[in-house]
PDB file of N, CA and C in Angstrom:
ATOM      1  N   LEU A   1      -3.123   4.503  18.463  1.00  0.00           N
ATOM      2  CA  LEU A   1      -3.780   5.445  17.567  1.00  0.00           C
ATOM      3  C   LEU A   1      -5.155   5.862  18.066  1.00  0.00           C
ATOM      4  N   LYS A   2      -5.792   4.991  18.825  1.00  0.00           N
ATOM      5  CA  LYS A   2      -7.143   5.305  19.297  1.00  0.00           C
ATOM      6  C   LYS A   2      -7.144   6.122  20.584  1.00  0.00           C
ATOM      7  N   ASP A   3      -6.015   6.164  21.279  1.00  0.00           N
ATOM      8  CA  ASP A   3      -5.915   6.876  22.552  1.00  0.00           C
ATOM      9  C   ASP A   3      -5.940   8.383  22.321  1.00  0.00           C
ATOM     10  N   ALA A   4      -6.847   9.075  23.000  1.00  0.00           N
ATOM     11  CA  ALA A   4      -6.990  10.530  22.843  1.00  0.00           C
ATOM     12  C   ALA A   4      -5.727  11.273  23.264  1.00  0.00           C
ATOM     13  N   ALA A   5      -4.971  10.702  24.186  1.00  0.00           N
ATOM     14  CA  ALA A   5      -3.743  11.341  24.650  1.00  0.00           C
ATOM     15  C   ALA A   5      -2.694  11.440  23.545  1.00  0.00           C
ATOM     16  N   HIS A   6      -2.836  10.627  22.525  1.00  0.00           N
ATOM     17  CA  HIS A   6      -1.883  10.617  21.421  1.00  0.00           C
ATOM     18  C   HIS A   6      -2.395  11.369  20.195  1.00  0.00           C
ATOM     19  N   SER A   7      -3.421  12.176  20.346  1.00  0.00           N
ATOM     20  CA  SER A   7      -4.026  12.825  19.177  1.00  0.00           C
ATOM     21  C   SER A   7      -3.061  13.765  18.462  1.00  0.00           C
ATOM     22  N   GLN A   8      -2.221  14.479  19.205  1.00  0.00           N
ATOM     23  CA  GLN A   8      -1.260  15.380  18.563  1.00  0.00           C
ATOM     24  C   GLN A   8      -0.221  14.576  17.776  1.00  0.00           C
ATOM     25  N   LEU A   9       0.233  13.482  18.352  1.00  0.00           N
ATOM     26  CA  LEU A   9       1.176  12.607  17.667  1.00  0.00           C
ATOM     27  C   LEU A   9       0.538  12.000  16.418  1.00  0.00           C
ATOM     28  N   LYS A  10      -0.724  11.614  16.544  1.00  0.00           N
ATOM     29  CA  LYS A  10      -1.463  11.051  15.418  1.00  0.00           C
ATOM     30  C   LYS A  10      -1.576  12.076  14.289  1.00  0.00           C
ATOM     31  N   GLN A  11      -1.852  13.326  14.617  1.00  0.00           N
ATOM     32  CA  GLN A  11      -1.962  14.374  13.596  1.00  0.00           C
ATOM     33  C   GLN A  11      -0.623  14.612  12.894  1.00  0.00           C
ATOM     34  N   LYS A  12       0.473  14.531  13.640  1.00  0.00           N
ATOM     35  CA  LYS A  12       1.796  14.673  13.034  1.00  0.00           C
ATOM     36  C   LYS A  12       2.074  13.526  12.069  1.00  0.00           C
ATOM     37  N   LEU A  13       1.685  12.327  12.465  1.00  0.00           N
ATOM     38  CA  LEU A  13       1.870  11.161  11.608  1.00  0.00           C
ATOM     39  C   LEU A  13       1.044  11.299  10.339  1.00  0.00           C
ATOM     40  N   ILE A  14      -0.204  11.708  10.473  1.00  0.00           N
ATOM     41  CA  ILE A  14      -1.073  11.909   9.311  1.00  0.00           C
ATOM     42  C   ILE A  14      -0.468  12.952   8.376  1.00  0.00           C
ATOM     43  N   SER A  15       0.028  14.040   8.926  1.00  0.00           N
ATOM     44  CA  SER A  15       0.641  15.092   8.102  1.00  0.00           C
ATOM     45  C   SER A  15       1.873  14.588   7.364  1.00  0.00           C
ATOM     46  N   SER A  16       2.701  13.808   8.045  1.00  0.00           N
ATOM     47  CA  SER A  16       3.906  13.300   7.379  1.00  0.00           C
ATOM     48  C   SER A  16       3.560  12.280   6.300  1.00  0.00           C
ATOM     49  N   LEU A  17       2.549  11.452   6.538  1.00  0.00           N
ATOM     50  CA  LEU A  17       2.128  10.493   5.517  1.00  0.00           C
ATOM     51  C   LEU A  17       1.477  11.205   4.331  1.00  0.00           C
ATOM     52  N   ALA A  18       0.713  12.254   4.606  1.00  0.00           N
ATOM     53  CA  ALA A  18       0.067  13.016   3.529  1.00  0.00           C
ATOM     54  C   ALA A  18       1.102  13.676   2.627  1.00  0.00           C
ATOM     55  N   ALA A  19       2.254  14.003   3.177  1.00  0.00           N
ATOM     56  CA  ALA A  19       3.308  14.662   2.402  1.00  0.00           C
ATOM     57  C   ALA A  19       4.032  13.708   1.453  1.00  0.00           C
ATOM     58  N   ILE A  20       3.804  12.411   1.589  1.00  0.00           N
ATOM     59  CA  ILE A  20       4.466  11.429   0.724  1.00  0.00           C
ATOM     60  C   ILE A  20       4.078  11.670  -0.733  1.00  0.00           C
ATOM     61  N   GLY A  21       2.805  11.877  -0.972  1.00  0.00           N
ATOM     62  CA  GLY A  21       2.335  12.253  -2.303  1.00  0.00           C
ATOM     63  C   GLY A  21       2.286  11.122  -3.309  1.00  0.00           C
ATOM     64  N   GLY A  22       1.878  11.490  -4.499  1.00  0.00           N
ATOM     65  CA  GLY A  22       1.703  10.593  -5.627  1.00  0.00           C
ATOM     66  C   GLY A  22       0.942  11.350  -6.694  1.00  0.00           C
ATOM     67  N   HIS A  23       0.964  10.875  -7.939  1.00  0.00           N
ATOM     68  CA  HIS A  23       0.328  11.640  -9.010  1.00  0.00           C
ATOM     69  C   HIS A  23      -1.171  11.396  -9.158  1.00  0.00           C
ATOM     70  N   ASP A  24      -1.711  10.443  -8.422  1.00  0.00           N
ATOM     71  CA  ASP A  24      -3.162  10.226  -8.401  1.00  0.00           C
ATOM     72  C   ASP A  24      -3.531   9.511  -7.101  1.00  0.00           C
ATOM     73  N   THR A  25      -4.824   9.276  -6.907  1.00  0.00           N
ATOM     74  CA  THR A  25      -5.287   8.649  -5.659  1.00  0.00           C
ATOM     75  C   THR A  25      -4.668   7.273  -5.466  1.00  0.00           C
ATOM     76  N   LYS A  26      -4.557   6.513  -6.536  1.00  0.00           N
ATOM     77  CA  LYS A  26      -3.967   5.179  -6.438  1.00  0.00           C
ATOM     78  C   LYS A  26      -2.524   5.267  -5.950  1.00  0.00           C
ATOM     79  N   ARG A  27      -1.724   6.149  -6.559  1.00  0.00           N
ATOM     80  CA  ARG A  27      -0.307   6.227  -6.204  1.00  0.00           C
ATOM     81  C   ARG A  27      -0.092   6.731  -4.783  1.00  0.00           C
ATOM     82  N   ILE A  28      -0.840   7.736  -4.358  1.00  0.00           N
ATOM     83  CA  ILE A  28      -0.640   8.212  -2.980  1.00  0.00           C
ATOM     84  C   ILE A  28      -1.062   7.130  -1.984  1.00  0.00           C
ATOM     85  N   THR A  29      -2.139   6.402  -2.303  1.00  0.00           N
ATOM     86  CA  THR A  29      -2.583   5.305  -1.433  1.00  0.00           C
ATOM     87  C   THR A  29      -1.502   4.239  -1.352  1.00  0.00           C
ATOM     88  N   TRP A  30      -0.989   3.822  -2.500  1.00  0.00           N
ATOM     89  CA  TRP A  30       0.041   2.787  -2.534  1.00  0.00           C
ATOM     90  C   TRP A  30       1.328   3.266  -1.869  1.00  0.00           C
ATOM     91  N   ASN A  31       1.711   4.521  -2.089  1.00  0.00           N
ATOM     92  CA  ASN A  31       2.936   5.046  -1.483  1.00  0.00           C
ATOM     93  C   ASN A  31       2.833   5.085   0.041  1.00  0.00           C
ATOM     94  N   ILE A  32       1.672   5.482   0.538  1.00  0.00           N
ATOM     95  CA  ILE A  32       1.475   5.520   1.994  1.00  0.00           C
ATOM     96  C   ILE A  32       1.499   4.106   2.572  1.00  0.00           C
ATOM     97  N   LEU A  33       0.810   3.175   1.921  1.00  0.00           N
ATOM     98  CA  LEU A  33       0.809   1.789   2.408  1.00  0.00           C
ATOM     99  C   LEU A  33       2.219   1.205   2.399  1.00  0.00           C
ATOM    100  N   ALA A  34       2.992   1.496   1.356  1.00  0.00           N
ATOM    101  CA  ALA A  34       4.369   0.998   1.279  1.00  0.00           C
ATOM    102  C   ALA A  34       5.231   1.603   2.382  1.00  0.00           C
ATOM    103  N   HIS A  35       4.899   2.804   2.791  1.00  0.00           N
ATOM    104  CA  HIS A  35       5.638   3.457   3.873  1.00  0.00           C
ATOM    105  C   HIS A  35       5.265   2.859   5.238  1.00  0.00           C
ATOM    106  N   ILE A  36       4.016   2.452   5.381  1.00  0.00           N
ATOM    107  CA  ILE A  36       3.540   1.895   6.652  1.00  0.00           C
ATOM    108  C   ILE A  36       3.905   0.416   6.795  1.00  0.00           C
ATOM    109  N   PHE A  37       3.699  -0.357   5.722  1.00  0.00           N
ATOM    110  CA  PHE A  37       3.845  -1.814   5.783  1.00  0.00           C
ATOM    111  C   PHE A  37       4.949  -2.311   4.859  1.00  0.00           C
ATOM    112  N   HIS A  38       5.823  -3.152   5.375  1.00  0.00           N
ATOM    113  CA  HIS A  38       6.780  -3.876   4.540  1.00  0.00           C
ATOM    114  C   HIS A  38       5.992  -4.952   3.794  1.00  0.00           C
ATOM    115  N   ASP A  39       6.491  -5.388   2.641  1.00  0.00           N
ATOM    116  CA  ASP A  39       5.777  -6.405   1.864  1.00  0.00           C
ATOM    117  C   ASP A  39       5.552  -7.692   2.653  1.00  0.00           C
ATOM    118  N   ASP A  40       6.489  -8.065   3.528  1.00  0.00           N
ATOM    119  CA  ASP A  40       6.304  -9.267   4.350  1.00  0.00           C
ATOM    120  C   ASP A  40       5.079  -9.132   5.254  1.00  0.00           C
ATOM    121  N   VAL A  41       4.847  -7.932   5.755  1.00  0.00           N
ATOM    122  CA  VAL A  41       3.666  -7.678   6.590  1.00  0.00           C
ATOM    123  C   VAL A  41       2.428  -7.602   5.706  1.00  0.00           C
ATOM    124  N   GLY A  42       2.547  -6.946   4.557  1.00  0.00           N
ATOM    125  CA  GLY A  42       1.424  -6.817   3.629  1.00  0.00           C
ATOM    126  C   GLY A  42       0.866  -8.157   3.179  1.00  0.00           C
ATOM    127  N   LYS A  43       1.729  -9.171   3.094  1.00  0.00           N
ATOM    128  CA  LYS A  43       1.278 -10.510   2.695  1.00  0.00           C
ATOM    129  C   LYS A  43       0.410 -11.167   3.759  1.00  0.00           C
ATOM    130  N   GLN A  44       0.460 -10.664   4.984  1.00  0.00           N
ATOM    131  CA  GLN A  44      -0.305 -11.247   6.086  1.00  0.00           C
ATOM    132  C   GLN A  44      -1.626 -10.523   6.327  1.00  0.00           C
ATOM    133  N   ILE A  45      -1.966  -9.589   5.441  1.00  0.00           N
ATOM    134  CA  ILE A  45      -3.159  -8.756   5.612  1.00  0.00           C
ATOM    135  C   ILE A  45      -3.996  -8.817   4.346  1.00  0.00           C
ATOM    136  N   ASN A  46      -5.316  -8.869   4.520  1.00  0.00           N
ATOM    137  CA  ASN A  46      -6.228  -8.640   3.402  1.00  0.00           C
ATOM    138  C   ASN A  46      -7.415  -7.837   3.922  1.00  0.00           C
ATOM    139  N   TRP A  47      -8.338  -7.513   3.057  1.00  0.00           N
ATOM    140  CA  TRP A  47      -9.426  -6.611   3.434  1.00  0.00           C
ATOM    141  C   TRP A  47     -10.325  -7.202   4.511  1.00  0.00           C
ATOM    142  N   LYS A  48     -10.728  -8.461   4.331  1.00  0.00           N
ATOM    143  CA  LYS A  48     -11.712  -9.079   5.231  1.00  0.00           C
ATOM    144  C   LYS A  48     -11.105  -9.903   6.356  1.00  0.00           C
ATOM    145  N   GLY A  49      -9.829 -10.228   6.265  1.00  0.00           N
ATOM    146  CA  GLY A  49      -9.216 -11.053   7.300  1.00  0.00           C
ATOM    147  C   GLY A  49      -9.491 -12.528   7.127  1.00  0.00           C
ATOM    148  N   VAL A  50      -9.680 -12.963   5.898  1.00  0.00           N
ATOM    149  CA  VAL A  50      -9.935 -14.380   5.639  1.00  0.00           C
ATOM    150  C   VAL A  50      -8.621 -15.113   5.395  1.00  0.00           C
ATOM    151  N   ASN A  51      -8.693 -16.441   5.404  1.00  0.00           N
ATOM    152  CA  ASN A  51      -7.541 -17.313   5.162  1.00  0.00           C
ATOM    153  C   ASN A  51      -6.407 -17.077   6.159  1.00  0.00           C
ATOM    154  N   GLY A  52      -6.762 -16.825   7.399  1.00  0.00           N
ATOM    155  CA  GLY A  52      -5.767 -16.664   8.449  1.00  0.00           C
ATOM    156  C   GLY A  52      -5.013 -15.343   8.426  1.00  0.00           C
ATOM    157  N   LYS A  53      -5.484 -14.393   7.642  1.00  0.00           N
ATOM    158  CA  LYS A  53      -4.819 -13.090   7.565  1.00  0.00           C
ATOM    159  C   LYS A  53      -5.536 -12.075   8.448  1.00  0.00           C
ATOM    160  N   LYS A  54      -4.873 -10.976   8.723  1.00  0.00           N
ATOM    161  CA  LYS A  54      -5.462  -9.883   9.504  1.00  0.00           C
ATOM    162  C   LYS A  54      -6.357  -9.042   8.599  1.00  0.00           C
ATOM    163  N   SER A  55      -7.401  -8.473   9.163  1.00  0.00           N
ATOM    164  CA  SER A  55      -8.353  -7.654   8.412  1.00  0.00           C
ATOM    165  C   SER A  55      -7.943  -6.183   8.433  1.00  0.00           C
ATOM    166  N   PHE A  56      -7.559  -5.655   7.269  1.00  0.00           N
ATOM    167  CA  PHE A  56      -7.212  -4.238   7.185  1.00  0.00           C
ATOM    168  C   PHE A  56      -8.441  -3.376   7.426  1.00  0.00           C
ATOM    169  N   ASN A  57      -9.603  -3.865   7.051  1.00  0.00           N
ATOM    170  CA  ASN A  57     -10.850  -3.121   7.231  1.00  0.00           C
ATOM    171  C   ASN A  57     -11.118  -2.807   8.706  1.00  0.00           C
ATOM    172  N   GLN A  58     -10.607  -3.631   9.613  1.00  0.00           N
ATOM    173  CA  GLN A  58     -10.828  -3.449  11.046  1.00  0.00           C
ATOM    174  C   GLN A  58      -9.662  -2.753  11.753  1.00  0.00           C
ATOM    175  N   MET A  59      -8.597  -2.447  11.030  1.00  0.00           N
ATOM    176  CA  MET A  59      -7.402  -1.863  11.649  1.00  0.00           C
ATOM    177  C   MET A  59      -7.511  -0.349  11.792  1.00  0.00           C
ATOM    178  N   ALA A  60      -6.858   0.166  12.809  1.00  0.00           N
ATOM    179  CA  ALA A  60      -6.753   1.621  12.970  1.00  0.00           C
ATOM    180  C   ALA A  60      -5.941   2.218  11.823  1.00  0.00           C
ATOM    181  N   SER A  61      -5.091   1.411  11.212  1.00  0.00           N
ATOM    182  CA  SER A  61      -4.287   1.873  10.074  1.00  0.00           C
ATOM    183  C   SER A  61      -5.156   2.275   8.891  1.00  0.00           C
ATOM    184  N   LYS A  62      -6.331   1.681   8.772  1.00  0.00           N
ATOM    185  CA  LYS A  62      -7.247   2.057   7.689  1.00  0.00           C
ATOM    186  C   LYS A  62      -7.676   3.512   7.866  1.00  0.00           C
ATOM    187  N   THR A  63      -8.054   3.887   9.071  1.00  0.00           N
ATOM    188  CA  THR A  63      -8.451   5.267   9.353  1.00  0.00           C
ATOM    189  C   THR A  63      -7.274   6.208   9.131  1.00  0.00           C
ATOM    190  N   LEU A  64      -6.104   5.782   9.539  1.00  0.00           N
ATOM    191  CA  LEU A  64      -4.893   6.567   9.331  1.00  0.00           C
ATOM    192  C   LEU A  64      -4.655   6.802   7.838  1.00  0.00           C
ATOM    193  N   LEU A  65      -4.812   5.760   7.033  1.00  0.00           N
ATOM    194  CA  LEU A  65      -4.656   5.875   5.580  1.00  0.00           C
ATOM    195  C   LEU A  65      -5.671   6.852   4.996  1.00  0.00           C
ATOM    196  N   LEU A  66      -6.939   6.695   5.367  1.00  0.00           N
ATOM    197  CA  LEU A  66      -7.993   7.566   4.831  1.00  0.00           C
ATOM    198  C   LEU A  66      -7.725   9.032   5.159  1.00  0.00           C
ATOM    199  N   HIS A  67      -7.371   9.308   6.404  1.00  0.00           N
ATOM    200  CA  HIS A  67      -7.090  10.689   6.811  1.00  0.00           C
ATOM    201  C   HIS A  67      -5.850  11.235   6.108  1.00  0.00           C
ATOM    202  N   SER A  68      -4.844  10.394   5.936  1.00  0.00           N
ATOM    203  CA  SER A  68      -3.597  10.842   5.308  1.00  0.00           C
ATOM    204  C   SER A  68      -3.795  11.187   3.838  1.00  0.00           C
ATOM    205  N   VAL A  69      -4.502  10.336   3.112  1.00  0.00           N
ATOM    206  CA  VAL A  69      -4.754  10.615   1.693  1.00  0.00           C
ATOM    207  C   VAL A  69      -5.563  11.896   1.555  1.00  0.00           C
ATOM    208  N   ARG A  70      -6.609  12.019   2.356  1.00  0.00           N
ATOM    209  CA  ARG A  70      -7.513  13.166   2.224  1.00  0.00           C
ATOM    210  C   ARG A  70      -6.948  14.458   2.813  1.00  0.00           C
ATOM    211  N   LYS A  71      -5.905  14.366   3.616  1.00  0.00           N
ATOM    212  CA  LYS A  71      -5.278  15.579   4.158  1.00  0.00           C
ATOM    213  C   LYS A  71      -4.458  16.291   3.077  1.00  0.00           C
ATOM    214  N   ASN A  72      -3.961  15.528   2.120  1.00  0.00           N
ATOM    215  CA  ASN A  72      -3.231  16.125   1.010  1.00  0.00           C
ATOM    216  C   ASN A  72      -4.218  16.963   0.199  1.00  0.00           C
ATOM    217  N   PRO A  73      -3.953  18.262   0.007  1.00  0.00           N
ATOM    218  CA  PRO A  73      -4.931  19.142  -0.652  1.00  0.00           C
ATOM    219  C   PRO A  73      -5.334  18.694  -2.056  1.00  0.00           C
ATOM    220  N   ILE A  74      -4.449  18.005  -2.737  1.00  0.00           N
ATOM    221  CA  ILE A  74      -4.763  17.550  -4.099  1.00  0.00           C
ATOM    222  C   ILE A  74      -5.797  16.428  -4.073  1.00  0.00           C
ATOM    223  N   TYR A  75      -5.794  15.618  -3.022  1.00  0.00           N
ATOM    224  CA  TYR A  75      -6.655  14.430  -2.961  1.00  0.00           C
ATOM    225  C   TYR A  75      -7.749  14.528  -1.914  1.00  0.00           C
ATOM    226  N   CYS A  76      -8.051  15.727  -1.428  1.00  0.00           N
ATOM    227  CA  CYS A  76      -9.056  15.875  -0.368  1.00  0.00           C
ATOM    228  C   CYS A  76     -10.447  15.437  -0.828  1.00  0.00           C
ATOM    229  N   ALA A  77     -10.684  15.409  -2.136  1.00  0.00           N
ATOM    230  CA  ALA A  77     -11.985  14.983  -2.652  1.00  0.00           C
ATOM    231  C   ALA A  77     -12.038  13.484  -2.952  1.00  0.00           C
ATOM    232  N   SER A  78     -10.950  12.760  -2.684  1.00  0.00           N
ATOM    233  CA  SER A  78     -10.942  11.313  -2.925  1.00  0.00           C
ATOM    234  C   SER A  78     -11.996  10.644  -2.058  1.00  0.00           C
ATOM    235  N   THR A  79     -12.718   9.715  -2.645  1.00  0.00           N
ATOM    236  CA  THR A  79     -13.768   9.030  -1.893  1.00  0.00           C
ATOM    237  C   THR A  79     -13.172   7.880  -1.078  1.00  0.00           C
ATOM    238  N   VAL A  80     -13.866   7.523  -0.021  1.00  0.00           N
ATOM    239  CA  VAL A  80     -13.466   6.384   0.802  1.00  0.00           C
ATOM    240  C   VAL A  80     -13.436   5.133  -0.071  1.00  0.00           C
ATOM    241  N   HIS A  81     -14.417   5.007  -0.947  1.00  0.00           N
ATOM    242  CA  HIS A  81     -14.497   3.850  -1.836  1.00  0.00           C
ATOM    243  C   HIS A  81     -13.244   3.738  -2.712  1.00  0.00           C
ATOM    244  N   ASP A  82     -12.818   4.843  -3.316  1.00  0.00           N
ATOM    245  CA  ASP A  82     -11.634   4.813  -4.177  1.00  0.00           C
ATOM    246  C   ASP A  82     -10.376   4.455  -3.395  1.00  0.00           C
ATOM    247  N   ILE A  83     -10.195   5.065  -2.243  1.00  0.00           N
ATOM    248  CA  ILE A  83      -9.007   4.792  -1.433  1.00  0.00           C
ATOM    249  C   ILE A  83      -8.989   3.328  -0.999  1.00  0.00           C
ATOM    250  N   CYS A  84     -10.122   2.821  -0.548  1.00  0.00           N
ATOM    251  CA  CYS A  84     -10.205   1.426  -0.101  1.00  0.00           C
ATOM    252  C   CYS A  84      -9.994   0.457  -1.255  1.00  0.00           C
ATOM    253  N   LYS A  85     -10.522   0.785  -2.427  1.00  0.00           N
ATOM    254  CA  LYS A  85     -10.337  -0.056  -3.614  1.00  0.00           C
ATOM    255  C   LYS A  85      -8.848  -0.200  -3.930  1.00  0.00           C
ATOM    256  N   HIS A  86      -8.110   0.897  -3.863  1.00  0.00           N
ATOM    257  CA  HIS A  86      -6.674   0.853  -4.144  1.00  0.00           C
ATOM    258  C   HIS A  86      -5.916   0.128  -3.033  1.00  0.00           C
ATOM    259  N   ALA A  87      -6.367   0.264  -1.790  1.00  0.00           N
ATOM    260  CA  ALA A  87      -5.734  -0.440  -0.671  1.00  0.00           C
ATOM    261  C   ALA A  87      -5.924  -1.950  -0.816  1.00  0.00           C
ATOM    262  N   ILE A  88      -7.116  -2.369  -1.187  1.00  0.00           N
ATOM    263  CA  ILE A  88      -7.392  -3.797  -1.384  1.00  0.00           C
ATOM    264  C   ILE A  88      -6.438  -4.367  -2.420  1.00  0.00           C
ATOM    265  N   ARG A  89      -6.275  -3.653  -3.528  1.00  0.00           N
ATOM    266  CA  ARG A  89      -5.395  -4.115  -4.605  1.00  0.00           C
ATOM    267  C   ARG A  89      -3.936  -4.152  -4.141  1.00  0.00           C
ATOM    268  N   TRP A  90      -3.526  -3.171  -3.352  1.00  0.00           N
ATOM    269  CA  TRP A  90      -2.151  -3.134  -2.859  1.00  0.00           C
ATOM    270  C   TRP A  90      -1.853  -4.382  -2.030  1.00  0.00           C
ATOM    271  N   PHE A  91      -2.771  -4.753  -1.147  1.00  0.00           N
ATOM    272  CA  PHE A  91      -2.560  -5.953  -0.334  1.00  0.00           C
ATOM    273  C   PHE A  91      -2.612  -7.212  -1.194  1.00  0.00           C
ATOM    274  N   ASN A  92      -3.485  -7.241  -2.209  1.00  0.00           N
ATOM    275  CA  ASN A  92      -3.558  -8.399  -3.105  1.00  0.00           C
ATOM    276  C   ASN A  92      -2.237  -8.641  -3.828  1.00  0.00           C
ATOM    277  N   LEU A  93      -1.525  -7.581  -4.140  1.00  0.00           N
ATOM    278  CA  LEU A  93      -0.289  -7.697  -4.911  1.00  0.00           C
ATOM    279  C   LEU A  93       0.971  -7.801  -4.051  1.00  0.00           C
ATOM    280  N   ALA A  94       0.821  -7.857  -2.748  1.00  0.00           N
ATOM    281  CA  ALA A  94       1.986  -7.890  -1.853  1.00  0.00           C
ATOM    282  C   ALA A  94       2.899  -9.077  -2.149  1.00  0.00           C
ATOM    283  N   ALA A  95       2.335 -10.234  -2.410  1.00  0.00           N
ATOM    284  CA  ALA A  95       3.156 -11.414  -2.683  1.00  0.00           C
ATOM    285  C   ALA A  95       3.923 -11.258  -3.995  1.00  0.00           C
ATOM    286  N   ASP A  96       3.332 -10.611  -4.980  1.00  0.00           N
ATOM    287  CA  ASP A  96       4.017 -10.394  -6.255  1.00  0.00           C
ATOM    288  C   ASP A  96       5.182  -9.417  -6.109  1.00  0.00           C
ATOM    289  N   ARG A  97       5.014  -8.394  -5.293  1.00  0.00           N
ATOM    290  CA  ARG A  97       6.095  -7.425  -5.088  1.00  0.00           C
ATOM    291  C   ARG A  97       7.294  -8.078  -4.432  1.00  0.00           C
ATOM    292  N   ASP A  98       7.034  -9.082  -3.632  1.00  0.00           N
ATOM    293  CA  ASP A  98       8.095  -9.789  -2.928  1.00  0.00           C
ATOM    294  C   ASP A  98       8.775 -10.817  -3.828  1.00  0.00           C
ATOM    295  N   CYS A  99       8.283 -10.998  -5.041  1.00  0.00           N
ATOM    296  CA  CYS A  99       8.803 -11.978  -6.004  1.00  0.00           C
ATOM    297  C   CYS A  99       8.703 -13.401  -5.468  1.00  0.00           C
ATOM    298  N   SER A 100       7.763 -13.645  -4.576  1.00  0.00           N
ATOM    299  CA  SER A 100       7.641 -14.982  -3.997  1.00  0.00           C
ATOM    300  C   SER A 100       6.776 -15.904  -4.846  1.00  0.00           C
ATOM    301  N   ARG A 101       6.028 -15.344  -5.767  1.00  0.00           N
ATOM    302  CA  ARG A 101       5.228 -16.180  -6.660  1.00  0.00           C
ATOM    303  C   ARG A 101       6.037 -16.472  -7.916  1.00  0.00           C
ATOM    304  N   GLN A 102       5.991 -17.714  -8.348  1.00  0.00           N
ATOM    305  CA  GLN A 102       6.674 -18.085  -9.575  1.00  0.00           C
ATOM    306  C   GLN A 102       5.786 -17.734 -10.754  1.00  0.00           C
ATOM    307  N   ARG A 103       6.364 -17.094 -11.728  1.00  0.00           N
ATOM    308  CA  ARG A 103       5.597 -16.737 -12.919  1.00  0.00           C
ATOM    309  C   ARG A 103       5.691 -17.873 -13.915  1.00  0.00           C
ATOM    310  N   SER A 104       4.567 -18.225 -14.505  1.00  0.00           N
ATOM    311  CA  SER A 104       4.573 -19.303 -15.479  1.00  0.00           C
ATOM    312  C   SER A 104       5.009 -18.757 -16.830  1.00  0.00           C
ATOM    313  N   GLY A 105       5.750 -19.573 -17.540  1.00  0.00           N
ATOM    314  CA  GLY A 105       6.154 -19.195 -18.885  1.00  0.00           C
ATOM    315  C   GLY A 105       7.246 -18.143 -18.941  1.00  0.00           C
ATOM    316  N   THR A 106       8.017 -18.004 -17.883  1.00  0.00           N
ATOM    317  CA  THR A 106       9.093 -17.020 -17.935  1.00  0.00           C
ATOM    318  C   THR A 106      10.239 -17.584 -18.745  1.00  0.00           C
ATOM    319  N   GLN A 107      10.912 -16.709 -19.443  1.00  0.00           N
ATOM    320  CA  GLN A 107      12.027 -17.122 -20.268  1.00  0.00           C
ATOM    321  C   GLN A 107      13.317 -16.663 -19.631  1.00  0.00           C
ATOM    322  N   GLU A 108      14.345 -17.454 -19.828  1.00  0.00           N
ATOM    323  CA  GLU A 108      15.652 -17.075 -19.323  1.00  0.00           C
ATOM    324  C   GLU A 108      16.231 -16.012 -20.245  1.00  0.00           C
ATOM    325  N   VAL A 109      16.724 -14.969 -19.676  1.00  0.00           N
ATOM    326  CA  VAL A 109      17.307 -13.884 -20.457  1.00  0.00           C
ATOM    327  C   VAL A 109      18.816 -14.006 -20.380  1.00  0.00           C
ATOM    328  N   LEU A 110      19.453 -14.030 -21.547  1.00  0.00           N
ATOM    329  CA  LEU A 110      20.899 -14.134 -21.598  1.00  0.00           C
ATOM    330  C   LEU A 110      21.527 -12.767 -21.413  1.00  0.00           C
ATOM    331  N   PRO A 111      22.688 -12.713 -20.758  1.00  0.00           N
ATOM    332  CA  PRO A 111      23.394 -11.436 -20.661  1.00  0.00           C
ATOM    333  C   PRO A 111      23.733 -10.917 -22.053  1.00  0.00           C
ATOM    334  N   ALA A 112      23.953  -9.631 -22.182  1.00  0.00           N
ATOM    335  CA  ALA A 112      24.164  -8.988 -23.476  1.00  0.00           C
ATOM    336  C   ALA A 112      25.338  -9.582 -24.240  1.00  0.00           C
ATOM    337  N   ASP A 113      26.386 -10.003 -23.547  1.00  0.00           N
ATOM    338  CA  ASP A 113      27.562 -10.519 -24.245  1.00  0.00           C
ATOM    339  C   ASP A 113      27.373 -11.941 -24.755  1.00  0.00           C
ATOM    340  N   GLN A 114      26.283 -12.622 -24.394  1.00  0.00           N
ATOM    341  CA  GLN A 114      26.038 -13.985 -24.842  1.00  0.00           C
ATOM    342  C   GLN A 114      25.023 -14.058 -25.972  1.00  0.00           C
ATOM    343  N   HIS A 115      24.470 -12.942 -26.408  1.00  0.00           N
ATOM    344  CA  HIS A 115      23.523 -12.947 -27.517  1.00  0.00           C
ATOM    345  C   HIS A 115      24.289 -13.198 -28.805  1.00  0.00           C
ATOM    346  N   SER A 116      23.642 -13.875 -29.722  1.00  0.00           N
ATOM    347  CA  SER A 116      24.306 -14.120 -31.002  1.00  0.00           C
ATOM    348  C   SER A 116      24.371 -12.832 -31.802  1.00  0.00           C
ATOM    349  N   SER A 117      25.470 -12.630 -32.484  1.00  0.00           N
ATOM    350  CA  SER A 117      25.610 -11.417 -33.300  1.00  0.00           C
ATOM    351  C   SER A 117      25.534 -11.791 -34.762  1.00  0.00           C
ATOM    352  N   PHE A 118      25.106 -10.870 -35.581  1.00  0.00           N
ATOM    353  CA  PHE A 118      24.942 -11.126 -37.009  1.00  0.00           C
ATOM    354  C   PHE A 118      26.120 -10.651 -37.780  1.00  0.00           C
TER     355      PHE A 118
END
């Protein structure tokens, strides 16, 4: 992504990611991240790169995300702060999307045919 020889390819990628869309800055940010990273990869990344994870803040993908969101005419006024805030949250929730965390207090749901009838 940083190689100048690939700038045309990079622009095509940015355009295709910008076309993904969403109804607000949060959704377009999350939709683009979901398109770039599988949840298994997302679990290995956080903003600062702490706890043995990779730092999204230092990745070329961060610049790609910022350009892609802002290339969409509806979101061209989105601030870097807003986009990054939504990206941080997306990575924080990666483990939950994968259903790898056990939820406390979950109840077993019976199939419809096993419910008691009156």
